PDB file of N, CA and C in Angstrom:
ATOM      1  N   MET A   1     -43.317  59.324 -32.954  1.00  0.00           N
ATOM      2  CA  MET A   1     -42.107  58.360 -33.783  1.00  0.00           C
ATOM      3  C   MET A   1     -41.024  58.416 -33.854  1.00  0.00           C
ATOM      4  N   THR A   2     -40.062  58.374 -33.317  1.00  0.00           N
ATOM      5  CA  THR A   2     -38.721  59.041 -33.520  1.00  0.00           C
ATOM      6  C   THR A   2     -37.777  57.218 -34.888  1.00  0.00           C
ATOM      7  N   GLU A   3     -37.450  57.823 -35.324  1.00  0.00           N
ATOM      8  CA  GLU A   3     -36.692  56.824 -36.555  1.00  0.00           C
ATOM      9  C   GLU A   3     -35.719  56.405 -35.778  1.00  0.00           C
ATOM     10  N   PRO A   4     -34.727  54.858 -35.627  1.00  0.00           N
ATOM     11  CA  PRO A   4     -34.159  54.620 -34.662  1.00  0.00           C
ATOM     12  C   PRO A   4     -32.816  54.899 -35.250  1.00  0.00           C
ATOM     13  N   ALA A   5     -31.927  54.857 -34.475  1.00  0.00           N
ATOM     14  CA  ALA A   5     -30.583  55.092 -35.522  1.00  0.00           C
ATOM     15  C   ALA A   5     -29.705  54.499 -36.458  1.00  0.00           C
ATOM     16  N   PRO A   6     -29.635  54.228 -36.897  1.00  0.00           N
ATOM     17  CA  PRO A   6     -28.798  53.786 -37.974  1.00  0.00           C
ATOM     18  C   PRO A   6     -27.088  52.951 -37.900  1.00  0.00           C
ATOM     19  N   SER A   7     -27.633  51.367 -37.918  1.00  0.00           N
ATOM     20  CA  SER A   7     -26.730  50.857 -37.335  1.00  0.00           C
ATOM     21  C   SER A   7     -25.590  51.056 -37.951  1.00  0.00           C
ATOM     22  N   PRO A   8     -24.090  50.592 -37.822  1.00  0.00           N
ATOM     23  CA  PRO A   8     -22.843  50.729 -37.622  1.00  0.00           C
ATOM     24  C   PRO A   8     -22.879  49.289 -39.806  1.00  0.00           C
ATOM     25  N   ALA A   9     -23.492  48.505 -39.225  1.00  0.00           N
ATOM     26  CA  ALA A   9     -23.452  47.328 -40.662  1.00  0.00           C
ATOM     27  C   ALA A   9     -23.978  48.203 -41.853  1.00  0.00           C
ATOM     28  N   SER A  10     -25.135  49.217 -41.394  1.00  0.00           N
ATOM     29  CA  SER A  10     -26.140  50.356 -41.932  1.00  0.00           C
ATOM     30  C   SER A  10     -24.977  50.982 -43.061  1.00  0.00           C
ATOM     31  N   ASP A  11     -24.006  51.645 -41.854  1.00  0.00           N
ATOM     32  CA  ASP A  11     -23.633  52.517 -42.531  1.00  0.00           C
ATOM     33  C   ASP A  11     -22.255  52.030 -43.257  1.00  0.00           C
ATOM     34  N   GLU A  12     -21.725  50.709 -43.281  1.00  0.00           N
ATOM     35  CA  GLU A  12     -20.470  50.652 -43.542  1.00  0.00           C
ATOM     36  C   GLU A  12     -21.385  49.930 -45.416  1.00  0.00           C
ATOM     37  N   GLU A  13     -22.279  49.226 -45.720  1.00  0.00           N
ATOM     38  CA  GLU A  13     -23.034  49.263 -46.466  1.00  0.00           C
ATOM     39  C   GLU A  13     -23.242  50.299 -47.259  1.00  0.00           C
ATOM     40  N   ASP A  14     -23.753  51.467 -46.648  1.00  0.00           N
ATOM     41  CA  ASP A  14     -23.877  52.925 -47.642  1.00  0.00           C
ATOM     42  C   ASP A  14     -22.438  53.254 -48.032  1.00  0.00           C
ATOM     43  N   ASP A  15     -21.593  53.120 -47.378  1.00  0.00           N
ATOM     44  CA  ASP A  15     -20.158  53.396 -47.922  1.00  0.00           C
ATOM     45  C   ASP A  15     -19.824  52.575 -49.181  1.00  0.00           C
ATOM     46  N   VAL A  16     -19.766  51.313 -48.652  1.00  0.00           N
ATOM     47  CA  VAL A  16     -20.118  50.592 -49.622  1.00  0.00           C
ATOM     48  C   VAL A  16     -20.297  50.929 -51.252  1.00  0.00           C
ATOM     49  N   LYS A  17     -21.622  50.832 -51.516  1.00  0.00           N
ATOM     50  CA  LYS A  17     -22.822  51.409 -52.363  1.00  0.00           C
ATOM     51  C   LYS A  17     -22.530  52.866 -53.133  1.00  0.00           C
ATOM     52  N   ARG A  18     -21.649  53.673 -51.759  1.00  0.00           N
ATOM     53  CA  ARG A  18     -21.229  54.947 -52.506  1.00  0.00           C
ATOM     54  C   ARG A  18     -19.926  54.971 -53.200  1.00  0.00           C
ATOM     55  N   LYS A  19     -19.106  53.889 -52.565  1.00  0.00           N
ATOM     56  CA  LYS A  19     -17.592  53.701 -53.652  1.00  0.00           C
ATOM     57  C   LYS A  19     -18.114  52.819 -54.114  1.00  0.00           C
ATOM     58  N   PHE A  20     -18.781  52.455 -54.742  1.00  0.00           N
ATOM     59  CA  PHE A  20     -19.090  51.491 -56.313  1.00  0.00           C
ATOM     60  C   PHE A  20     -19.994  52.044 -57.222  1.00  0.00           C
ATOM     61  N   ARG A  21     -20.317  53.442 -56.712  1.00  0.00           N
ATOM     62  CA  ARG A  21     -21.268  53.907 -57.574  1.00  0.00           C
ATOM     63  C   ARG A  21     -20.395  55.136 -58.233  1.00  0.00           C
ATOM     64  N   GLU A  22     -18.967  55.413 -57.348  1.00  0.00           N
ATOM     65  CA  GLU A  22     -18.546  56.527 -57.730  1.00  0.00           C
ATOM     66  C   GLU A  22     -17.444  55.834 -58.817  1.00  0.00           C
ATOM     67  N   ALA A  23     -17.048  54.508 -58.643  1.00  0.00           N
ATOM     68  CA  ALA A  23     -16.539  53.830 -59.340  1.00  0.00           C
ATOM     69  C   ALA A  23     -17.000  53.682 -60.775  1.00  0.00           C
ATOM     70  N   LEU A  24     -18.267  53.534 -60.750  1.00  0.00           N
ATOM     71  CA  LEU A  24     -18.993  53.292 -61.605  1.00  0.00           C
ATOM     72  C   LEU A  24     -19.274  54.952 -62.827  1.00  0.00           C
ATOM     73  N   GLU A  25     -19.133  55.647 -62.158  1.00  0.00           N
ATOM     74  CA  GLU A  25     -19.613  56.705 -62.958  1.00  0.00           C
ATOM     75  C   GLU A  25     -18.085  57.529 -63.541  1.00  0.00           C
ATOM     76  N   ARG A  26     -16.705  56.994 -62.624  1.00  0.00           N
ATOM     77  CA  ARG A  26     -15.786  57.181 -63.374  1.00  0.00           C
ATOM     78  C   ARG A  26     -15.091  56.613 -64.685  1.00  0.00           C
ATOM     79  N   LYS A  27     -15.672  55.091 -64.689  1.00  0.00           N
ATOM     80  CA  LYS A  27     -15.849  54.045 -65.588  1.00  0.00           C
ATOM     81  C   LYS A  27     -16.290  54.591 -66.939  1.00  0.00           C
ATOM     82  N   GLN A  28     -17.771  54.863 -66.462  1.00  0.00           N
ATOM     83  CA  GLN A  28     -19.014  56.150 -67.427  1.00  0.00           C
ATOM     84  C   GLN A  28     -18.669  56.474 -68.160  1.00  0.00           C
ATOM     85  N   SER A  29     -17.672  57.656 -67.450  1.00  0.00           N
ATOM     86  CA  SER A  29     -17.215  58.906 -67.816  1.00  0.00           C
ATOM     87  C   SER A  29     -15.918  58.783 -68.631  1.00  0.00           C
ATOM     88  N   GLN A  30     -14.822  57.828 -68.902  1.00  0.00           N
ATOM     89  CA  GLN A  30     -13.670  57.035 -69.234  1.00  0.00           C
ATOM     90  C   GLN A  30     -14.272  56.748 -70.771  1.00  0.00           C
ATOM     91  N   ALA A  31     -15.390  56.044 -70.549  1.00  0.00           N
ATOM     92  CA  ALA A  31     -15.883  55.060 -72.138  1.00  0.00           C
ATOM     93  C   ALA A  31     -16.369  56.929 -72.770  1.00  0.00           C
ATOM     94  N   ARG A  32     -17.328  57.559 -72.508  1.00  0.00           N
ATOM     95  CA  ARG A  32     -17.877  58.656 -72.786  1.00  0.00           C
ATOM     96  C   ARG A  32     -16.618  59.530 -73.481  1.00  0.00           C
ATOM     97  N   SER A  33     -15.857  59.787 -72.693  1.00  0.00           N
ATOM     98  CA  SER A  33     -14.311  60.563 -73.464  1.00  0.00           C
ATOM     99  C   SER A  33     -13.686  59.710 -74.409  1.00  0.00           C
ATOM    100  N   GLY A  34     -13.797  58.967 -74.959  1.00  0.00           N
ATOM    101  CA  GLY A  34     -13.342  58.508 -76.411  1.00  0.00           C
ATOM    102  C   GLY A  34     -11.464  58.382 -76.776  1.00  0.00           C
ATOM    103  N   ASP A  35     -11.350  58.623 -74.945  1.00  0.00           N
ATOM    104  CA  ASP A  35      -9.550  58.657 -74.952  1.00  0.00           C
ATOM    105  C   ASP A  35      -8.856  57.272 -74.796  1.00  0.00           C
ATOM    106  N   ALA A  36      -9.722  55.951 -74.998  1.00  0.00           N
ATOM    107  CA  ALA A  36      -9.348  54.797 -74.958  1.00  0.00           C
ATOM    108  C   ALA A  36      -8.765  53.933 -75.958  1.00  0.00           C
ATOM    109  N   HIS A  37      -9.081  54.611 -77.059  1.00  0.00           N
ATOM    110  CA  HIS A  37      -8.427  54.356 -78.359  1.00  0.00           C
ATOM    111  C   HIS A  37      -7.593  55.077 -78.745  1.00  0.00           C
ATOM    112  N   GLU A  38      -6.869  56.305 -78.428  1.00  0.00           N
ATOM    113  CA  GLU A  38      -6.419  56.754 -78.767  1.00  0.00           C
ATOM    114  C   GLU A  38      -5.296  57.296 -80.080  1.00  0.00           C
ATOM    115  N   ASN A  39      -4.733  55.590 -79.658  1.00  0.00           N
ATOM    116  CA  ASN A  39      -3.112  55.511 -80.270  1.00  0.00           C
ATOM    117  C   ASN A  39      -3.560  53.783 -80.991  1.00  0.00           C
ATOM    118  N   ALA A  40      -5.117  53.696 -81.757  1.00  0.00           N
ATOM    119  CA  ALA A  40      -5.438  52.298 -82.477  1.00  0.00           C
ATOM    120  C   ALA A  40      -4.792  52.421 -83.211  1.00  0.00           C
ATOM    121  N   GLY A  41      -4.285  53.705 -83.979  1.00  0.00           N
ATOM    122  CA  GLY A  41      -4.187  53.138 -86.098  1.00  0.00           C
ATOM    123  C   GLY A  41      -2.527  53.088 -85.817  1.00  0.00           C
ATOM    124  N   GLY A  42      -1.797  53.077 -85.014  1.00  0.00           N
ATOM    125  CA  GLY A  42      -0.603  53.172 -84.748  1.00  0.00           C
ATOM    126  C   GLY A  42       0.321  52.796 -85.292  1.00  0.00           C
ATOM    127  N   LYS A  43      -0.106  51.513 -86.155  1.00  0.00           N
ATOM    128  CA  LYS A  43       0.938  50.415 -86.641  1.00  0.00           C
ATOM    129  C   LYS A  43       0.314  49.421 -88.060  1.00  0.00           C
ATOM    130  N   ASN A  44       1.075  49.496 -88.709  1.00  0.00           N
ATOM    131  CA  ASN A  44       0.924  49.450 -90.178  1.00  0.00           C
ATOM    132  C   ASN A  44       0.236  47.755 -90.089  1.00  0.00           C
ATOM    133  N   GLN A  45      -1.239  47.728 -90.616  1.00  0.00           N
ATOM    134  CA  GLN A  45      -2.006  46.846 -89.998  1.00  0.00           C
ATOM    135  C   GLN A  45      -1.875  45.083 -91.641  1.00  0.00           C
ATOM    136  N   HIS A  46      -1.365  46.014 -92.678  1.00  0.00           N
ATOM    137  CA  HIS A  46      -1.263  45.307 -94.152  1.00  0.00           C
ATOM    138  C   HIS A  46       0.504  45.019 -94.800  1.00  0.00           C
ATOM    139  N   ALA A  47       1.597  45.010 -94.290  1.00  0.00           N
ATOM    140  CA  ALA A  47       2.703  45.435 -94.444  1.00  0.00           C
ATOM    141  C   ALA A  47       3.342  44.482 -95.104  1.00  0.00           C
ATOM    142  N   HIS A  48       2.496  43.491 -95.971  1.00  0.00           N
ATOM    143  CA  HIS A  48       2.883  42.614 -96.785  1.00  0.00           C
ATOM    144  C   HIS A  48       2.367  42.865 -98.266  1.00  0.00           C
ATOM    145  N   GLY A  49       1.556  43.534 -98.274  1.00  0.00           N
ATOM    146  CA  GLY A  49       0.180  43.688 -99.848  1.00  0.00           C
ATOM    147  C   GLY A  49      -1.083  43.024 -98.997  1.00  0.00           C
ATOM    148  N   PRO A  50      -1.472  42.909-100.754  1.00  0.00           N
ATOM    149  CA  PRO A  50      -2.941  42.280 -99.837  1.00  0.00           C
ATOM    150  C   PRO A  50      -2.721  41.142 -99.907  1.00  0.00           C
ATOM    151  N   ALA A  51      -3.598  39.984 -99.407  1.00  0.00           N
ATOM    152  CA  ALA A  51      -4.366  38.979 -99.182  1.00  0.00           C
ATOM    153  C   ALA A  51      -4.222  38.291-100.410  1.00  0.00           C
ATOM    154  N   ALA A  52      -4.646  38.369-101.715  1.00  0.00           N
ATOM    155  CA  ALA A  52      -5.375  38.278-103.046  1.00  0.00           C
ATOM    156  C   ALA A  52      -4.077  38.016-104.115  1.00  0.00           C
ATOM    157  N   ASN A  53      -2.685  38.458-103.818  1.00  0.00           N
ATOM    158  CA  ASN A  53      -1.262  38.545-104.281  1.00  0.00           C
ATOM    159  C   ASN A  53      -0.453  36.628-103.750  1.00  0.00           C
ATOM    160  N   LYS A  54      -1.604  36.099-103.054  1.00  0.00           N
ATOM    161  CA  LYS A  54      -0.851  34.839-102.545  1.00  0.00           C
ATOM    162  C   LYS A  54      -0.776  34.084-103.536  1.00  0.00           C
ATOM    163  N   ARG A  55       0.173  32.782-103.095  1.00  0.00           N
ATOM    164  CA  ARG A  55       0.715  32.134-104.041  1.00  0.00           C
ATOM    165  C   ARG A  55      -0.145  30.722-104.447  1.00  0.00           C
ATOM    166  N   THR A  56      -0.051  30.715-106.101  1.00  0.00           N
ATOM    167  CA  THR A  56      -0.474  29.490-106.128  1.00  0.00           C
ATOM    168  C   THR A  56       0.171  28.587-106.611  1.00  0.00           C
ATOM    169  N   PHE A  57       0.171  27.032-106.072  1.00  0.00           N
ATOM    170  CA  PHE A  57       1.475  26.107-106.528  1.00  0.00           C
ATOM    171  C   PHE A  57       0.083  25.213-106.893  1.00  0.00           C
ATOM    172  N   ARG A  58       0.991  24.749-108.508  1.00  0.00           N
ATOM    173  CA  ARG A  58       0.052  24.043-109.349  1.00  0.00           C
ATOM    174  C   ARG A  58       0.905  22.673-109.657  1.00  0.00           C
ATOM    175  N   ARG A  59       0.514  21.687-109.996  1.00  0.00           N
ATOM    176  CA  ARG A  59       0.771  20.283-110.123  1.00  0.00           C
ATOM    177  C   ARG A  59       1.855  20.316-111.617  1.00  0.00           C
ATOM    178  N   LYS A  60       3.072  20.104-111.056  1.00  0.00           N
ATOM    179  CA  LYS A  60       3.705  19.618-112.362  1.00  0.00           C
ATOM    180  C   LYS A  60       2.907  18.702-113.609  1.00  0.00           C
ATOM    181  N   SER A  61       2.991  19.498-114.813  1.00  0.00           N
ATOM    182  CA  SER A  61       2.253  18.426-115.871  1.00  0.00           C
ATOM    183  C   SER A  61       2.974  18.130-117.069  1.00  0.00           C
ATOM    184  N   GLY A  62       3.623  16.852-116.824  1.00  0.00           N
ATOM    185  CA  GLY A  62       4.583  16.700-117.370  1.00  0.00           C
ATOM    186  C   GLY A  62       6.020  16.070-117.333  1.00  0.00           C
TER     187      GLY A  62
END
């Protein structure tokens, strides 16, 4: 019992699966490296002081 030769459509599917697997491995290796957020703290997030010092507006009495 010999196995039949793979069809050309099967070869194309294997090629597509291999490309997706390689892309997934590249994506996972980038996520593990931690280089995605190396410039995350560059900007000053609170340039105008804390929010606790906001103005309060009161109605004039009299």
